[in-house]
Amino acid sequence: MKAEKIEKISGYAFLIIGLIFIILPAVLAFVMFLSGWQIPQFIPIQPGETDSYVRAFTIFSNACLVFFIFVIMVWAGSILSSRGVTLIKDVKLKLVKKSLREVEETAEKVESEES
């Protein structure tokens, strides 16, 4: 396989994986907050806890942790997708430069034959 083809395939793979990392947290947040799914409990609520402030703070802390995880996923997805676009763009630029070189070489051959 040519190096350009490997770069192009890996660029598209990075782009797709990055987009999945960007779209997945948005869908999960939409489903979680609008459908009534329970927010994952990273900080467990004690079963006998009667203080409403402690319960509210625990629920709020869990929501913030889930939001933070989603932000990290989107950030990683944006990095991956930008790397993928860069790889795809570099391959296209290399192909254009190669085509221009071939055109220049053909033009030089034609000029030398005419002289």
PDB file of N, CA and C in Angstrom:
ATOM      1  N   MET A   1       0.834  -1.184   0.000  1.00  0.00           N
ATOM      2  CA  MET A   1       0.000   0.000   0.000  1.00  0.00           C
ATOM      3  C   MET A   1       0.874   1.240   0.000  1.00  0.00           C
ATOM      4  N   LYS A   2       0.394   2.247  -0.679  1.00  0.00           N
ATOM      5  CA  LYS A   2       1.136   3.502  -0.698  1.00  0.00           C
ATOM      6  C   LYS A   2       0.971   4.235   0.621  1.00  0.00           C
ATOM      7  N   ALA A   3       1.972   5.049   0.919  1.00  0.00           N
ATOM      8  CA  ALA A   3       1.938   5.803   2.179  1.00  0.00           C
ATOM      9  C   ALA A   3       0.766   6.776   2.207  1.00  0.00           C
ATOM     10  N   GLU A   4       0.446   7.373   1.032  1.00  0.00           N
ATOM     11  CA  GLU A   4      -0.664   8.327   0.996  1.00  0.00           C
ATOM     12  C   GLU A   4      -1.987   7.645   1.323  1.00  0.00           C
ATOM     13  N   LYS A   5      -2.140   6.407   0.837  1.00  0.00           N
ATOM     14  CA  LYS A   5      -3.390   5.690   1.088  1.00  0.00           C
ATOM     15  C   LYS A   5      -3.519   5.340   2.572  1.00  0.00           C
ATOM     16  N   ILE A   6      -2.419   4.940   3.189  1.00  0.00           N
ATOM     17  CA  ILE A   6      -2.450   4.623   4.620  1.00  0.00           C
ATOM     18  C   ILE A   6      -2.778   5.872   5.424  1.00  0.00           C
ATOM     19  N   GLU A   7      -2.167   7.007   5.060  1.00  0.00           N
ATOM     20  CA  GLU A   7      -2.456   8.265   5.750  1.00  0.00           C
ATOM     21  C   GLU A   7      -3.913   8.660   5.584  1.00  0.00           C
ATOM     22  N   LYS A   8      -4.446   8.476   4.392  1.00  0.00           N
ATOM     23  CA  LYS A   8      -5.832   8.850   4.118  1.00  0.00           C
ATOM     24  C   LYS A   8      -6.791   7.964   4.912  1.00  0.00           C
ATOM     25  N   ILE A   9      -6.531   6.654   4.943  1.00  0.00           N
ATOM     26  CA  ILE A   9      -7.392   5.740   5.695  1.00  0.00           C
ATOM     27  C   ILE A   9      -7.334   6.056   7.192  1.00  0.00           C
ATOM     28  N   SER A  10      -6.134   6.289   7.708  1.00  0.00           N
ATOM     29  CA  SER A  10      -6.020   6.612   9.132  1.00  0.00           C
ATOM     30  C   SER A  10      -6.648   7.977   9.431  1.00  0.00           C
ATOM     31  N   GLY A  11      -6.566   8.907   8.498  1.00  0.00           N
ATOM     32  CA  GLY A  11      -7.218  10.203   8.681  1.00  0.00           C
ATOM     33  C   GLY A  11      -8.722  10.070   8.788  1.00  0.00           C
ATOM     34  N   TYR A  12      -9.318   9.281   7.900  1.00  0.00           N
ATOM     35  CA  TYR A  12     -10.762   9.059   7.974  1.00  0.00           C
ATOM     36  C   TYR A  12     -11.136   8.301   9.245  1.00  0.00           C
ATOM     37  N   ALA A  13     -10.298   7.349   9.676  1.00  0.00           N
ATOM     38  CA  ALA A  13     -10.572   6.614  10.920  1.00  0.00           C
ATOM     39  C   ALA A  13     -10.550   7.566  12.115  1.00  0.00           C
ATOM     40  N   PHE A  14      -9.536   8.432  12.186  1.00  0.00           N
ATOM     41  CA  PHE A  14      -9.483   9.412  13.271  1.00  0.00           C
ATOM     42  C   PHE A  14     -10.693  10.335  13.241  1.00  0.00           C
ATOM     43  N   LEU A  15     -11.083  10.755  12.051  1.00  0.00           N
ATOM     44  CA  LEU A  15     -12.232  11.646  11.917  1.00  0.00           C
ATOM     45  C   LEU A  15     -13.505  10.972  12.415  1.00  0.00           C
ATOM     46  N   ILE A  16     -13.727   9.731  12.036  1.00  0.00           N
ATOM     47  CA  ILE A  16     -14.941   9.020  12.448  1.00  0.00           C
ATOM     48  C   ILE A  16     -14.938   8.770  13.956  1.00  0.00           C
ATOM     49  N   ILE A  17     -13.811   8.329  14.496  1.00  0.00           N
ATOM     50  CA  ILE A  17     -13.734   8.085  15.941  1.00  0.00           C
ATOM     51  C   ILE A  17     -13.933   9.385  16.714  1.00  0.00           C
ATOM     52  N   GLY A  18     -13.347  10.471  16.223  1.00  0.00           N
ATOM     53  CA  GLY A  18     -13.523  11.774  16.875  1.00  0.00           C
ATOM     54  C   GLY A  18     -14.970  12.231  16.851  1.00  0.00           C
ATOM     55  N   LEU A  19     -15.646  12.034  15.726  1.00  0.00           N
ATOM     56  CA  LEU A  19     -17.052  12.426  15.652  1.00  0.00           C
ATOM     57  C   LEU A  19     -17.912  11.578  16.581  1.00  0.00           C
ATOM     58  N   ILE A  20     -17.577  10.305  16.722  1.00  0.00           N
ATOM     59  CA  ILE A  20     -18.308   9.454  17.669  1.00  0.00           C
ATOM     60  C   ILE A  20     -18.111   9.976  19.086  1.00  0.00           C
ATOM     61  N   PHE A  21     -16.862  10.358  19.418  1.00  0.00           N
ATOM     62  CA  PHE A  21     -16.583  10.895  20.752  1.00  0.00           C
ATOM     63  C   PHE A  21     -17.289  12.228  20.982  1.00  0.00           C
ATOM     64  N   ILE A  22     -17.605  12.952  19.939  1.00  0.00           N
ATOM     65  CA  ILE A  22     -18.310  14.225  20.092  1.00  0.00           C
ATOM     66  C   ILE A  22     -19.814  14.005  20.181  1.00  0.00           C
ATOM     67  N   ILE A  23     -20.343  13.115  19.357  1.00  0.00           N
ATOM     68  CA  ILE A  23     -21.794  12.916  19.290  1.00  0.00           C
ATOM     69  C   ILE A  23     -22.305  12.089  20.463  1.00  0.00           C
ATOM     70  N   LEU A  24     -21.558  11.071  20.885  1.00  0.00           N
ATOM     71  CA  LEU A  24     -22.012  10.176  21.951  1.00  0.00           C
ATOM     72  C   LEU A  24     -22.346  10.906  23.257  1.00  0.00           C
ATOM     73  N   PRO A  25     -21.495  11.785  23.787  1.00  0.00           N
ATOM     74  CA  PRO A  25     -21.868  12.481  25.030  1.00  0.00           C
ATOM     75  C   PRO A  25     -23.107  13.358  24.874  1.00  0.00           C
ATOM     76  N   ALA A  26     -23.267  13.957  23.697  1.00  0.00           N
ATOM     77  CA  ALA A  26     -24.453  14.790  23.490  1.00  0.00           C
ATOM     78  C   ALA A  26     -25.722  13.940  23.530  1.00  0.00           C
ATOM     79  N   VAL A  27     -25.680  12.794  22.882  1.00  0.00           N
ATOM     80  CA  VAL A  27     -26.846  11.907  22.883  1.00  0.00           C
ATOM     81  C   VAL A  27     -27.108  11.369  24.289  1.00  0.00           C
ATOM     82  N   LEU A  28     -26.054  10.941  24.980  1.00  0.00           N
ATOM     83  CA  LEU A  28     -26.222  10.433  26.342  1.00  0.00           C
ATOM     84  C   LEU A  28     -26.776  11.505  27.286  1.00  0.00           C
ATOM     85  N   ALA A  29     -26.282  12.722  27.170  1.00  0.00           N
ATOM     86  CA  ALA A  29     -26.784  13.804  28.015  1.00  0.00           C
ATOM     87  C   ALA A  29     -28.251  14.087  27.705  1.00  0.00           C
ATOM     88  N   PHE A  30     -28.594  14.104  26.423  1.00  0.00           N
ATOM     89  CA  PHE A  30     -29.976  14.342  26.020  1.00  0.00           C
ATOM     90  C   PHE A  30     -30.892  13.265  26.603  1.00  0.00           C
ATOM     91  N   VAL A  31     -30.489  12.012  26.449  1.00  0.00           N
ATOM     92  CA  VAL A  31     -31.306  10.905  26.954  1.00  0.00           C
ATOM     93  C   VAL A  31     -31.352  10.925  28.482  1.00  0.00           C
ATOM     94  N   MET A  32     -30.207  11.172  29.113  1.00  0.00           N
ATOM     95  CA  MET A  32     -30.133  11.111  30.569  1.00  0.00           C
ATOM     96  C   MET A  32     -30.973  12.199  31.228  1.00  0.00           C
ATOM     97  N   PHE A  33     -30.874  13.399  30.741  1.00  0.00           N
ATOM     98  CA  PHE A  33     -31.541  14.510  31.424  1.00  0.00           C
ATOM     99  C   PHE A  33     -32.993  14.703  31.003  1.00  0.00           C
ATOM    100  N   LEU A  34     -33.394  14.198  29.842  1.00  0.00           N
ATOM    101  CA  LEU A  34     -34.770  14.399  29.408  1.00  0.00           C
ATOM    102  C   LEU A  34     -35.660  13.172  29.574  1.00  0.00           C
ATOM    103  N   SER A  35     -35.076  11.986  29.668  1.00  0.00           N
ATOM    104  CA  SER A  35     -35.916  10.792  29.752  1.00  0.00           C
ATOM    105  C   SER A  35     -36.068  10.263  31.168  1.00  0.00           C
ATOM    106  N   GLY A  36     -35.366  10.811  32.097  1.00  0.00           N
ATOM    107  CA  GLY A  36     -35.507  10.374  33.471  1.00  0.00           C
ATOM    108  C   GLY A  36     -34.534   9.290  33.885  1.00  0.00           C
ATOM    109  N   TRP A  37     -33.509   9.028  33.067  1.00  0.00           N
ATOM    110  CA  TRP A  37     -32.477   8.086  33.498  1.00  0.00           C
ATOM    111  C   TRP A  37     -31.839   8.608  34.768  1.00  0.00           C
ATOM    112  N   GLN A  38     -31.444   7.710  35.614  1.00  0.00           N
ATOM    113  CA  GLN A  38     -30.771   8.128  36.836  1.00  0.00           C
ATOM    114  C   GLN A  38     -29.315   8.460  36.505  1.00  0.00           C
ATOM    115  N   ILE A  39     -28.841   9.559  37.053  1.00  0.00           N
ATOM    116  CA  ILE A  39     -27.454   9.968  36.857  1.00  0.00           C
ATOM    117  C   ILE A  39     -26.570   8.965  37.591  1.00  0.00           C
ATOM    118  N   PRO A  40     -25.489   8.495  36.957  1.00  0.00           N
ATOM    119  CA  PRO A  40     -24.601   7.549  37.649  1.00  0.00           C
ATOM    120  C   PRO A  40     -24.090   8.136  38.966  1.00  0.00           C
ATOM    121  N   GLN A  41     -24.026   7.300  39.971  1.00  0.00           N
ATOM    122  CA  GLN A  41     -23.630   7.772  41.299  1.00  0.00           C
ATOM    123  C   GLN A  41     -22.175   7.423  41.563  1.00  0.00           C
ATOM    124  N   PHE A  42     -21.314   8.389  41.302  1.00  0.00           N
ATOM    125  CA  PHE A  42     -19.900   8.235  41.621  1.00  0.00           C
ATOM    126  C   PHE A  42     -19.687   8.451  43.115  1.00  0.00           C
ATOM    127  N   ILE A  43     -20.498   9.346  43.681  1.00  0.00           N
ATOM    128  CA  ILE A  43     -20.489   9.581  45.122  1.00  0.00           C
ATOM    129  C   ILE A  43     -21.803   8.999  45.642  1.00  0.00           C
ATOM    130  N   PRO A  44     -21.731   7.881  46.344  1.00  0.00           N
ATOM    131  CA  PRO A  44     -22.984   7.224  46.755  1.00  0.00           C
ATOM    132  C   PRO A  44     -23.711   7.988  47.859  1.00  0.00           C
ATOM    133  N   ILE A  45     -25.040   7.911  47.801  1.00  0.00           N
ATOM    134  CA  ILE A  45     -25.873   8.495  48.857  1.00  0.00           C
ATOM    135  C   ILE A  45     -26.075   7.412  49.915  1.00  0.00           C
ATOM    136  N   GLN A  46     -25.820   7.769  51.156  1.00  0.00           N
ATOM    137  CA  GLN A  46     -25.997   6.799  52.243  1.00  0.00           C
ATOM    138  C   GLN A  46     -27.485   6.471  52.372  1.00  0.00           C
ATOM    139  N   PRO A  47     -27.822   5.192  52.559  1.00  0.00           N
ATOM    140  CA  PRO A  47     -29.229   4.795  52.592  1.00  0.00           C
ATOM    141  C   PRO A  47     -30.044   5.466  53.695  1.00  0.00           C
ATOM    142  N   GLY A  48     -29.478   5.722  54.824  1.00  0.00           N
ATOM    143  CA  GLY A  48     -30.245   6.307  55.934  1.00  0.00           C
ATOM    144  C   GLY A  48     -30.119   7.814  56.026  1.00  0.00           C
ATOM    145  N   GLU A  49     -29.611   8.468  54.997  1.00  0.00           N
ATOM    146  CA  GLU A  49     -29.357   9.918  55.046  1.00  0.00           C
ATOM    147  C   GLU A  49     -30.686  10.674  55.003  1.00  0.00           C
ATOM    148  N   THR A  50     -30.911  11.507  56.027  1.00  0.00           N
ATOM    149  CA  THR A  50     -32.163  12.265  56.105  1.00  0.00           C
ATOM    150  C   THR A  50     -31.954  13.747  55.821  1.00  0.00           C
ATOM    151  N   ASP A  51     -30.726  14.212  55.900  1.00  0.00           N
ATOM    152  CA  ASP A  51     -30.448  15.638  55.668  1.00  0.00           C
ATOM    153  C   ASP A  51     -30.607  15.948  54.187  1.00  0.00           C
ATOM    154  N   SER A  52     -31.504  16.852  53.861  1.00  0.00           N
ATOM    155  CA  SER A  52     -31.797  17.156  52.450  1.00  0.00           C
ATOM    156  C   SER A  52     -30.639  17.897  51.784  1.00  0.00           C
ATOM    157  N   TYR A  53     -29.880  18.669  52.557  1.00  0.00           N
ATOM    158  CA  TYR A  53     -28.745  19.384  51.975  1.00  0.00           C
ATOM    159  C   TYR A  53     -27.648  18.418  51.527  1.00  0.00           C
ATOM    160  N   VAL A  54     -27.410  17.388  52.309  1.00  0.00           N
ATOM    161  CA  VAL A  54     -26.397  16.393  51.954  1.00  0.00           C
ATOM    162  C   VAL A  54     -26.832  15.633  50.704  1.00  0.00           C
ATOM    163  N   ARG A  55     -28.103  15.253  50.642  1.00  0.00           N
ATOM    164  CA  ARG A  55     -28.626  14.549  49.466  1.00  0.00           C
ATOM    165  C   ARG A  55     -28.542  15.433  48.222  1.00  0.00           C
ATOM    166  N   ALA A  56     -28.923  16.701  48.351  1.00  0.00           N
ATOM    167  CA  ALA A  56     -28.884  17.620  47.211  1.00  0.00           C
ATOM    168  C   ALA A  56     -27.450  17.848  46.745  1.00  0.00           C
ATOM    169  N   PHE A  57     -26.513  17.994  47.699  1.00  0.00           N
ATOM    170  CA  PHE A  57     -25.126  18.197  47.330  1.00  0.00           C
ATOM    171  C   PHE A  57     -24.552  16.968  46.638  1.00  0.00           C
ATOM    172  N   THR A  58     -24.925  15.782  47.104  1.00  0.00           N
ATOM    173  CA  THR A  58     -24.443  14.544  46.495  1.00  0.00           C
ATOM    174  C   THR A  58     -24.975  14.397  45.071  1.00  0.00           C
ATOM    175  N   ILE A  59     -26.248  14.680  44.871  1.00  0.00           N
ATOM    176  CA  ILE A  59     -26.831  14.602  43.529  1.00  0.00           C
ATOM    177  C   ILE A  59     -26.179  15.628  42.606  1.00  0.00           C
ATOM    178  N   PHE A  60     -25.980  16.843  43.109  1.00  0.00           N
ATOM    179  CA  PHE A  60     -25.333  17.887  42.318  1.00  0.00           C
ATOM    180  C   PHE A  60     -23.896  17.505  41.967  1.00  0.00           C
ATOM    181  N   SER A  61     -23.169  16.928  42.923  1.00  0.00           N
ATOM    182  CA  SER A  61     -21.788  16.496  42.670  1.00  0.00           C
ATOM    183  C   SER A  61     -21.737  15.413  41.607  1.00  0.00           C
ATOM    184  N   ASN A  62     -22.646  14.467  41.662  1.00  0.00           N
ATOM    185  CA  ASN A  62     -22.695  13.419  40.650  1.00  0.00           C
ATOM    186  C   ASN A  62     -23.005  13.995  39.265  1.00  0.00           C
ATOM    187  N   ALA A  63     -23.918  14.950  39.194  1.00  0.00           N
ATOM    188  CA  ALA A  63     -24.243  15.577  37.906  1.00  0.00           C
ATOM    189  C   ALA A  63     -23.033  16.333  37.356  1.00  0.00           C
ATOM    190  N   CYS A  64     -22.306  17.009  38.237  1.00  0.00           N
ATOM    191  CA  CYS A  64     -21.106  17.737  37.792  1.00  0.00           C
ATOM    192  C   CYS A  64     -20.027  16.778  37.301  1.00  0.00           C
ATOM    193  N   LEU A  65     -19.856  15.651  37.955  1.00  0.00           N
ATOM    194  CA  LEU A  65     -18.858  14.672  37.524  1.00  0.00           C
ATOM    195  C   LEU A  65     -19.213  14.076  36.160  1.00  0.00           C
ATOM    196  N   VAL A  66     -20.488  13.787  35.952  1.00  0.00           N
ATOM    197  CA  VAL A  66     -20.918  13.272  34.647  1.00  0.00           C
ATOM    198  C   VAL A  66     -20.688  14.332  33.571  1.00  0.00           C
ATOM    199  N   PHE A  67     -21.034  15.586  33.863  1.00  0.00           N
ATOM    200  CA  PHE A  67     -20.806  16.669  32.914  1.00  0.00           C
ATOM    201  C   PHE A  67     -19.319  16.809  32.598  1.00  0.00           C
ATOM    202  N   PHE A  68     -18.460  16.693  33.605  1.00  0.00           N
ATOM    203  CA  PHE A  68     -17.013  16.787  33.409  1.00  0.00           C
ATOM    204  C   PHE A  68     -16.512  15.658  32.510  1.00  0.00           C
ATOM    205  N   ILE A  69     -17.013  14.444  32.726  1.00  0.00           N
ATOM    206  CA  ILE A  69     -16.627  13.311  31.873  1.00  0.00           C
ATOM    207  C   ILE A  69     -17.061  13.566  30.437  1.00  0.00           C
ATOM    208  N   PHE A  70     -18.260  14.099  30.248  1.00  0.00           N
ATOM    209  CA  PHE A  70     -18.738  14.402  28.895  1.00  0.00           C
ATOM    210  C   PHE A  70     -17.868  15.463  28.224  1.00  0.00           C
ATOM    211  N   VAL A  71     -17.455  16.465  28.983  1.00  0.00           N
ATOM    212  CA  VAL A  71     -16.595  17.516  28.426  1.00  0.00           C
ATOM    213  C   VAL A  71     -15.247  16.928  28.003  1.00  0.00           C
ATOM    214  N   ILE A  72     -14.683  16.043  28.805  1.00  0.00           N
ATOM    215  CA  ILE A  72     -13.413  15.398  28.458  1.00  0.00           C
ATOM    216  C   ILE A  72     -13.573  14.563  27.188  1.00  0.00           C
ATOM    217  N   MET A  73     -14.689  13.856  27.061  1.00  0.00           N
ATOM    218  CA  MET A  73     -14.924  13.048  25.854  1.00  0.00           C
ATOM    219  C   MET A  73     -15.028  13.926  24.608  1.00  0.00           C
ATOM    220  N   VAL A  74     -15.746  15.038  24.720  1.00  0.00           N
ATOM    221  CA  VAL A  74     -15.880  15.942  23.576  1.00  0.00           C
ATOM    222  C   VAL A  74     -14.529  16.556  23.228  1.00  0.00           C
ATOM    223  N   TRP A  75     -13.753  16.909  24.220  1.00  0.00           N
ATOM    224  CA  TRP A  75     -12.426  17.478  23.987  1.00  0.00           C
ATOM    225  C   TRP A  75     -11.529  16.476  23.260  1.00  0.00           C
ATOM    226  N   ALA A  76     -11.531  15.220  23.725  1.00  0.00           N
ATOM    227  CA  ALA A  76     -10.733  14.186  23.061  1.00  0.00           C
ATOM    228  C   ALA A  76     -11.228  13.958  21.638  1.00  0.00           C
ATOM    229  N   GLY A  77     -12.534  13.984  21.445  1.00  0.00           N
ATOM    230  CA  GLY A  77     -13.098  13.817  20.105  1.00  0.00           C
ATOM    231  C   GLY A  77     -12.712  14.943  19.173  1.00  0.00           C
ATOM    232  N   SER A  78     -12.660  16.157  19.694  1.00  0.00           N
ATOM    233  CA  SER A  78     -12.269  17.278  18.827  1.00  0.00           C
ATOM    234  C   SER A  78     -10.805  17.175  18.423  1.00  0.00           C
ATOM    235  N   ILE A  79      -9.964  16.705  19.330  1.00  0.00           N
ATOM    236  CA  ILE A  79      -8.547  16.524  18.990  1.00  0.00           C
ATOM    237  C   ILE A  79      -8.389  15.441  17.935  1.00  0.00           C
ATOM    238  N   LEU A  80      -9.064  14.304  18.134  1.00  0.00           N
ATOM    239  CA  LEU A  80      -8.969  13.211  17.161  1.00  0.00           C
ATOM    240  C   LEU A  80      -9.491  13.617  15.790  1.00  0.00           C
ATOM    241  N   SER A  81     -10.636  14.293  15.761  1.00  0.00           N
ATOM    242  CA  SER A  81     -11.194  14.675  14.462  1.00  0.00           C
ATOM    243  C   SER A  81     -10.332  15.729  13.773  1.00  0.00           C
ATOM    244  N   SER A  82      -9.731  16.634  14.523  1.00  0.00           N
ATOM    245  CA  SER A  82      -8.858  17.624  13.878  1.00  0.00           C
ATOM    246  C   SER A  82      -7.600  16.971  13.326  1.00  0.00           C
ATOM    247  N   ARG A  83      -7.078  15.968  14.028  1.00  0.00           N
ATOM    248  CA  ARG A  83      -5.925  15.220  13.495  1.00  0.00           C
ATOM    249  C   ARG A  83      -6.308  14.482  12.223  1.00  0.00           C
ATOM    250  N   GLY A  84      -7.511  13.908  12.209  1.00  0.00           N
ATOM    251  CA  GLY A  84      -7.971  13.215  11.020  1.00  0.00           C
ATOM    252  C   GLY A  84      -8.109  14.143   9.833  1.00  0.00           C
ATOM    253  N   VAL A  85      -8.685  15.317  10.056  1.00  0.00           N
ATOM    254  CA  VAL A  85      -8.833  16.292   8.970  1.00  0.00           C
ATOM    255  C   VAL A  85      -7.465  16.738   8.476  1.00  0.00           C
ATOM    256  N   THR A  86      -6.521  16.925   9.394  1.00  0.00           N
ATOM    257  CA  THR A  86      -5.171  17.324   9.003  1.00  0.00           C
ATOM    258  C   THR A  86      -4.520  16.259   8.131  1.00  0.00           C
ATOM    259  N   LEU A  87      -4.666  14.985   8.515  1.00  0.00           N
ATOM    260  CA  LEU A  87      -4.098  13.906   7.701  1.00  0.00           C
ATOM    261  C   LEU A  87      -4.730  13.857   6.323  1.00  0.00           C
ATOM    262  N   ILE A  88      -6.046  13.993   6.256  1.00  0.00           N
ATOM    263  CA  ILE A  88      -6.741  13.953   4.962  1.00  0.00           C
ATOM    264  C   ILE A  88      -6.312  15.136   4.102  1.00  0.00           C
ATOM    265  N   LYS A  89      -6.219  16.308   4.716  1.00  0.00           N
ATOM    266  CA  LYS A  89      -5.843  17.513   3.973  1.00  0.00           C
ATOM    267  C   LYS A  89      -4.410  17.420   3.467  1.00  0.00           C
ATOM    268  N   ASP A  90      -3.498  16.895   4.291  1.00  0.00           N
ATOM    269  CA  ASP A  90      -2.103  16.752   3.871  1.00  0.00           C
ATOM    270  C   ASP A  90      -1.975  15.812   2.688  1.00  0.00           C
ATOM    271  N   VAL A  91      -2.758  14.735   2.680  1.00  0.00           N
ATOM    272  CA  VAL A  91      -2.715  13.793   1.566  1.00  0.00           C
ATOM    273  C   VAL A  91      -3.178  14.482   0.293  1.00  0.00           C
ATOM    274  N   LYS A  92      -4.257  15.263   0.391  1.00  0.00           N
ATOM    275  CA  LYS A  92      -4.753  15.960  -0.800  1.00  0.00           C
ATOM    276  C   LYS A  92      -3.739  16.982  -1.294  1.00  0.00           C
ATOM    277  N   LEU A  93      -3.086  17.686  -0.363  1.00  0.00           N
ATOM    278  CA  LEU A  93      -2.075  18.655  -0.773  1.00  0.00           C
ATOM    279  C   LEU A  93      -0.893  17.972  -1.452  1.00  0.00           C
ATOM    280  N   LYS A  94      -0.490  16.800  -0.922  1.00  0.00           N
ATOM    281  CA  LYS A  94       0.606  16.062  -1.549  1.00  0.00           C
ATOM    282  C   LYS A  94       0.221  15.622  -2.954  1.00  0.00           C
ATOM    283  N   LEU A  95      -1.025  15.188  -3.125  1.00  0.00           N
ATOM    284  CA  LEU A  95      -1.477  14.753  -4.444  1.00  0.00           C
ATOM    285  C   LEU A  95      -1.518  15.922  -5.425  1.00  0.00           C
ATOM    286  N   VAL A  96      -1.950  17.079  -4.955  1.00  0.00           N
ATOM    287  CA  VAL A  96      -1.989  18.261  -5.831  1.00  0.00           C
ATOM    288  C   VAL A  96      -0.572  18.670  -6.219  1.00  0.00           C
ATOM    289  N   LYS A  97       0.356  18.666  -5.259  1.00  0.00           N
ATOM    290  CA  LYS A  97       1.746  19.026  -5.570  1.00  0.00           C
ATOM    291  C   LYS A  97       2.352  18.040  -6.558  1.00  0.00           C
ATOM    292  N   LYS A  98       2.043  16.750  -6.390  1.00  0.00           N
ATOM    293  CA  LYS A  98       2.540  15.735  -7.302  1.00  0.00           C
ATOM    294  C   LYS A  98       1.981  15.955  -8.701  1.00  0.00           C
ATOM    295  N   SER A  99       0.697  16.292  -8.797  1.00  0.00           N
ATOM    296  CA  SER A  99       0.082  16.556 -10.098  1.00  0.00           C
ATOM    297  C   SER A  99       0.706  17.777 -10.764  1.00  0.00           C
ATOM    298  N   LEU A 100       0.956  18.812  -9.981  1.00  0.00           N
ATOM    299  CA  LEU A 100       1.576  20.012 -10.542  1.00  0.00           C
ATOM    300  C   LEU A 100       2.982  19.725 -11.045  1.00  0.00           C
ATOM    301  N   ARG A 101       3.742  18.897 -10.319  1.00  0.00           N
ATOM    302  CA  ARG A 101       5.076  18.516 -10.778  1.00  0.00           C
ATOM    303  C   ARG A 101       5.001  17.763 -12.099  1.00  0.00           C
ATOM    304  N   GLU A 102       4.031  16.858 -12.202  1.00  0.00           N
ATOM    305  CA  GLU A 102       3.876  16.096 -13.440  1.00  0.00           C
ATOM    306  C   GLU A 102       3.515  17.010 -14.605  1.00  0.00           C
ATOM    307  N   VAL A 103       2.660  17.992 -14.356  1.00  0.00           N
ATOM    308  CA  VAL A 103       2.282  18.945 -15.406  1.00  0.00           C
ATOM    309  C   VAL A 103       3.496  19.760 -15.831  1.00  0.00           C
ATOM    310  N   GLU A 104       4.303  20.207 -14.856  1.00  0.00           N
ATOM    311  CA  GLU A 104       5.503  20.974 -15.178  1.00  0.00           C
ATOM    312  C   GLU A 104       6.492  20.133 -15.998  1.00  0.00           C
ATOM    313  N   GLU A 105       6.667  18.872 -15.594  1.00  0.00           N
ATOM    314  CA  GLU A 105       7.583  18.001 -16.337  1.00  0.00           C
ATOM    315  C   GLU A 105       7.083  17.771 -17.760  1.00  0.00           C
ATOM    316  N   THR A 106       5.779  17.584 -17.919  1.00  0.00           N
ATOM    317  CA  THR A 106       5.210  17.392 -19.257  1.00  0.00           C
ATOM    318  C   THR A 106       5.388  18.648 -20.093  1.00  0.00           C
ATOM    319  N   ALA A 107       5.185  19.815 -19.490  1.00  0.00           N
ATOM    320  CA  ALA A 107       5.349  21.078 -20.221  1.00  0.00           C
ATOM    321  C   ALA A 107       6.810  21.272 -20.629  1.00  0.00           C
ATOM    322  N   GLU A 108       7.744  20.909 -19.759  1.00  0.00           N
ATOM    323  CA  GLU A 108       9.164  21.037 -20.095  1.00  0.00           C
ATOM    324  C   GLU A 108       9.539  20.084 -21.230  1.00  0.00           C
ATOM    325  N   LYS A 109       8.991  18.882 -21.225  1.00  0.00           N
ATOM    326  CA  LYS A 109       9.261  17.936 -22.310  1.00  0.00           C
ATOM    327  C   LYS A 109       8.737  18.462 -23.629  1.00  0.00           C
ATOM    328  N   VAL A 110       7.519  19.014 -23.598  1.00  0.00           N
ATOM    329  CA  VAL A 110       6.939  19.560 -24.836  1.00  0.00           C
ATOM    330  C   VAL A 110       7.770  20.714 -25.354  1.00  0.00           C
ATOM    331  N   GLU A 111       8.226  21.601 -24.443  1.00  0.00           N
ATOM    332  CA  GLU A 111       9.057  22.735 -24.863  1.00  0.00           C
ATOM    333  C   GLU A 111      10.385  22.270 -25.433  1.00  0.00           C
ATOM    334  N   SER A 112      10.990  21.270 -24.818  1.00  0.00           N
ATOM    335  CA  SER A 112      12.279  20.781 -25.324  1.00  0.00           C
ATOM    336  C   SER A 112      12.120  20.077 -26.667  1.00  0.00           C
ATOM    337  N   GLU A 113      10.996  19.420 -26.890  1.00  0.00           N
ATOM    338  CA  GLU A 113      10.767  18.765 -28.176  1.00  0.00           C
ATOM    339  C   GLU A 113      10.526  19.780 -29.284  1.00  0.00           C
ATOM    340  N   GLU A 114       9.861  20.903 -28.934  1.00  0.00           N
ATOM    341  CA  GLU A 114       9.592  21.939 -29.923  1.00  0.00           C
ATOM    342  C   GLU A 114      10.845  22.716 -30.298  1.00  0.00           C
ATOM    343  N   SER A 115      11.814  22.786 -29.410  1.00  0.00           N
ATOM    344  CA  SER A 115      13.024  23.567 -29.679  1.00  0.00           C
ATOM    345  C   SER A 115      13.985  22.858 -30.567  1.00  0.00           C
TER     346      SER A 115
END
